[in-house]
Amino acid sequence: MHGSRRNHSEQGEGEEEEEEEEEEEEEEEEEEEEEEEEEEEEEEEEEGEKQEEQEQEEESSYSRSCSVAF
């Protein structure tokens, strides 16, 4: 009878360890997701700047072509 009680307590400890590991994994995943989001935001900002530059170039070339046409 005493032996089965010890097994039960060992199982309980094992479950607790598994839960702690799962929590740590979830935290790591959340951190990775945050890092990915930050990287995506930086990329979007860079793309936005490139688009602005392209638009400015298009506008200047457009205005040049207009002035040439007149």
N, C-alpha and C. Protein backbone atom coordinates (compact mmCIF):
# COMPACT_ATOMS: atom_id res chain seq x y z
N MET A 1 0.85 -1.20 0.00
CA MET A 1 0.00 0.00 0.00
C MET A 1 0.88 1.25 0.00
N HIS A 2 1.91 1.23 0.79
CA HIS A 2 2.79 2.40 0.87
C HIS A 2 3.47 2.67 -0.48
N GLY A 3 3.84 1.60 -1.19
CA GLY A 3 4.53 1.73 -2.48
C GLY A 3 3.67 2.43 -3.51
N SER A 4 2.40 2.10 -3.56
CA SER A 4 1.53 2.72 -4.56
C SER A 4 1.38 4.21 -4.27
N ARG A 5 1.40 4.60 -3.02
CA ARG A 5 1.27 6.00 -2.68
C ARG A 5 2.50 6.76 -3.20
N ARG A 6 3.69 6.17 -3.07
CA ARG A 6 4.91 6.82 -3.53
C ARG A 6 4.85 7.02 -5.06
N ASN A 7 4.38 5.99 -5.75
CA ASN A 7 4.26 6.10 -7.21
C ASN A 7 3.34 7.25 -7.58
N HIS A 8 2.28 7.39 -6.83
CA HIS A 8 1.33 8.45 -7.13
C HIS A 8 1.99 9.82 -6.98
N SER A 9 2.75 10.01 -5.92
CA SER A 9 3.39 11.30 -5.71
C SER A 9 4.44 11.55 -6.80
N GLU A 10 5.14 10.51 -7.25
CA GLU A 10 6.12 10.70 -8.32
C GLU A 10 5.42 11.12 -9.61
N GLN A 11 4.26 10.52 -9.87
CA GLN A 11 3.52 10.90 -11.07
C GLN A 11 3.10 12.37 -10.97
N GLY A 12 2.67 12.77 -9.80
CA GLY A 12 2.25 14.17 -9.62
C GLY A 12 3.41 15.11 -9.88
N GLU A 13 4.60 14.76 -9.39
CA GLU A 13 5.76 15.62 -9.62
C GLU A 13 6.09 15.66 -11.11
N GLY A 14 5.99 14.53 -11.77
CA GLY A 14 6.26 14.48 -13.20
C GLY A 14 5.32 15.38 -13.97
N GLU A 15 4.06 15.39 -13.59
CA GLU A 15 3.08 16.24 -14.27
C GLU A 15 3.42 17.71 -14.07
N GLU A 16 3.84 18.05 -12.83
CA GLU A 16 4.20 19.44 -12.56
C GLU A 16 5.37 19.87 -13.44
N GLU A 17 6.37 18.99 -13.56
CA GLU A 17 7.53 19.33 -14.39
C GLU A 17 7.10 19.54 -15.84
N GLU A 18 6.21 18.69 -16.33
CA GLU A 18 5.74 18.82 -17.71
C GLU A 18 5.03 20.16 -17.90
N GLU A 19 4.21 20.53 -16.93
CA GLU A 19 3.50 21.81 -17.03
C GLU A 19 4.49 22.96 -17.08
N GLU A 20 5.53 22.90 -16.23
CA GLU A 20 6.53 23.97 -16.22
C GLU A 20 7.22 24.05 -17.58
N GLU A 21 7.56 22.89 -18.14
CA GLU A 21 8.23 22.88 -19.45
C GLU A 21 7.30 23.48 -20.51
N GLU A 22 6.03 23.13 -20.47
CA GLU A 22 5.08 23.67 -21.44
C GLU A 22 4.98 25.19 -21.32
N GLU A 23 4.95 25.68 -20.07
CA GLU A 23 4.87 27.13 -19.86
C GLU A 23 6.11 27.81 -20.43
N GLU A 24 7.29 27.21 -20.19
CA GLU A 24 8.52 27.80 -20.72
C GLU A 24 8.49 27.82 -22.24
N GLU A 25 8.03 26.73 -22.85
CA GLU A 25 7.95 26.67 -24.31
C GLU A 25 7.00 27.74 -24.83
N GLU A 26 5.87 27.92 -24.17
CA GLU A 26 4.90 28.93 -24.60
C GLU A 26 5.53 30.32 -24.52
N GLU A 27 6.26 30.58 -23.43
CA GLU A 27 6.91 31.88 -23.29
C GLU A 27 7.92 32.10 -24.41
N GLU A 28 8.69 31.07 -24.72
CA GLU A 28 9.68 31.19 -25.79
C GLU A 28 8.98 31.47 -27.12
N GLU A 29 7.89 30.78 -27.38
CA GLU A 29 7.15 30.98 -28.63
C GLU A 29 6.63 32.41 -28.70
N GLU A 30 6.12 32.92 -27.59
CA GLU A 30 5.61 34.29 -27.58
C GLU A 30 6.73 35.27 -27.88
N GLU A 31 7.91 35.05 -27.28
CA GLU A 31 9.04 35.94 -27.53
C GLU A 31 9.43 35.90 -29.00
N GLU A 32 9.45 34.71 -29.59
CA GLU A 32 9.80 34.57 -31.01
C GLU A 32 8.78 35.31 -31.87
N GLU A 33 7.51 35.17 -31.53
CA GLU A 33 6.47 35.85 -32.30
C GLU A 33 6.65 37.36 -32.23
N GLU A 34 6.97 37.86 -31.02
CA GLU A 34 7.18 39.31 -30.87
C GLU A 34 8.35 39.77 -31.73
N GLU A 35 9.43 38.99 -31.74
CA GLU A 35 10.60 39.35 -32.54
C GLU A 35 10.23 39.36 -34.02
N GLU A 36 9.47 38.36 -34.46
CA GLU A 36 9.06 38.30 -35.86
C GLU A 36 8.20 39.51 -36.21
N GLU A 37 7.30 39.88 -35.33
CA GLU A 37 6.44 41.04 -35.59
C GLU A 37 7.28 42.30 -35.72
N GLU A 38 8.28 42.45 -34.83
CA GLU A 38 9.15 43.63 -34.91
C GLU A 38 9.89 43.66 -36.24
N GLU A 39 10.40 42.50 -36.66
CA GLU A 39 11.12 42.44 -37.94
C GLU A 39 10.19 42.81 -39.08
N GLU A 40 8.96 42.30 -39.05
CA GLU A 40 8.00 42.60 -40.12
C GLU A 40 7.71 44.10 -40.15
N GLU A 41 7.56 44.72 -38.98
CA GLU A 41 7.30 46.15 -38.93
C GLU A 41 8.46 46.92 -39.54
N GLU A 42 9.70 46.52 -39.22
CA GLU A 42 10.86 47.20 -39.78
C GLU A 42 10.88 47.06 -41.29
N GLU A 43 10.57 45.84 -41.78
CA GLU A 43 10.56 45.62 -43.22
C GLU A 43 9.48 46.48 -43.89
N GLU A 44 8.33 46.58 -43.26
CA GLU A 44 7.25 47.39 -43.82
C GLU A 44 7.66 48.85 -43.89
N GLU A 45 8.36 49.32 -42.83
CA GLU A 45 8.83 50.71 -42.83
C GLU A 45 9.80 50.92 -43.98
N GLU A 46 10.72 49.99 -44.17
CA GLU A 46 11.70 50.11 -45.25
C GLU A 46 10.98 50.11 -46.59
N GLU A 47 10.01 49.21 -46.77
CA GLU A 47 9.27 49.16 -48.02
C GLU A 47 8.51 50.46 -48.24
N GLY A 48 7.94 50.99 -47.18
CA GLY A 48 7.22 52.26 -47.28
C GLY A 48 8.14 53.37 -47.75
N GLU A 49 9.36 53.41 -47.20
CA GLU A 49 10.33 54.43 -47.62
C GLU A 49 10.68 54.24 -49.09
N LYS A 50 10.88 53.00 -49.51
CA LYS A 50 11.22 52.73 -50.91
C LYS A 50 10.08 53.18 -51.81
N GLN A 51 8.85 52.89 -51.38
CA GLN A 51 7.69 53.28 -52.19
C GLN A 51 7.64 54.80 -52.31
N GLU A 52 7.90 55.50 -51.20
CA GLU A 52 7.87 56.96 -51.23
C GLU A 52 8.92 57.47 -52.20
N GLU A 53 10.13 56.87 -52.14
CA GLU A 53 11.19 57.30 -53.06
C GLU A 53 10.77 57.07 -54.50
N GLN A 54 10.19 55.89 -54.77
CA GLN A 54 9.75 55.59 -56.14
C GLN A 54 8.68 56.59 -56.58
N GLU A 55 7.74 56.88 -55.69
CA GLU A 55 6.68 57.82 -56.04
C GLU A 55 7.26 59.19 -56.34
N GLN A 56 8.23 59.63 -55.53
CA GLN A 56 8.86 60.92 -55.77
C GLN A 56 9.57 60.92 -57.12
N GLU A 57 10.28 59.83 -57.42
CA GLU A 57 10.97 59.72 -58.72
C GLU A 57 9.96 59.76 -59.85
N GLU A 58 8.85 59.03 -59.69
CA GLU A 58 7.83 59.01 -60.73
C GLU A 58 7.24 60.40 -60.92
N GLU A 59 6.98 61.10 -59.81
CA GLU A 59 6.42 62.44 -59.89
C GLU A 59 7.39 63.38 -60.60
N SER A 60 8.67 63.29 -60.25
CA SER A 60 9.64 64.19 -60.86
C SER A 60 9.81 63.85 -62.34
N SER A 61 9.84 62.57 -62.68
CA SER A 61 9.97 62.20 -64.08
C SER A 61 8.68 62.56 -64.82
N TYR A 62 7.55 62.46 -64.15
CA TYR A 62 6.26 62.81 -64.76
C TYR A 62 6.22 64.31 -65.02
N SER A 63 6.64 65.10 -64.03
CA SER A 63 6.62 66.55 -64.21
C SER A 63 7.61 66.93 -65.31
N ARG A 64 8.75 66.22 -65.41
CA ARG A 64 9.73 66.50 -66.47
C ARG A 64 9.09 66.21 -67.83
N SER A 65 8.39 65.06 -67.92
CA SER A 65 7.80 64.72 -69.21
C SER A 65 6.70 65.72 -69.57
N CYS A 66 6.00 66.23 -68.58
CA CYS A 66 4.96 67.22 -68.82
C CYS A 66 5.59 68.51 -69.34
N SER A 67 6.66 68.94 -68.67
CA SER A 67 7.29 70.20 -69.09
C SER A 67 7.90 70.04 -70.48
N VAL A 68 8.38 68.86 -70.80
CA VAL A 68 8.95 68.62 -72.14
C VAL A 68 7.82 68.67 -73.16
N ALA A 69 6.65 68.15 -72.81
CA ALA A 69 5.53 68.09 -73.74
C ALA A 69 5.06 69.49 -74.10
N PHE A 70 5.13 70.43 -73.15
CA PHE A 70 4.60 71.77 -73.41
C PHE A 70 5.51 72.58 -74.27
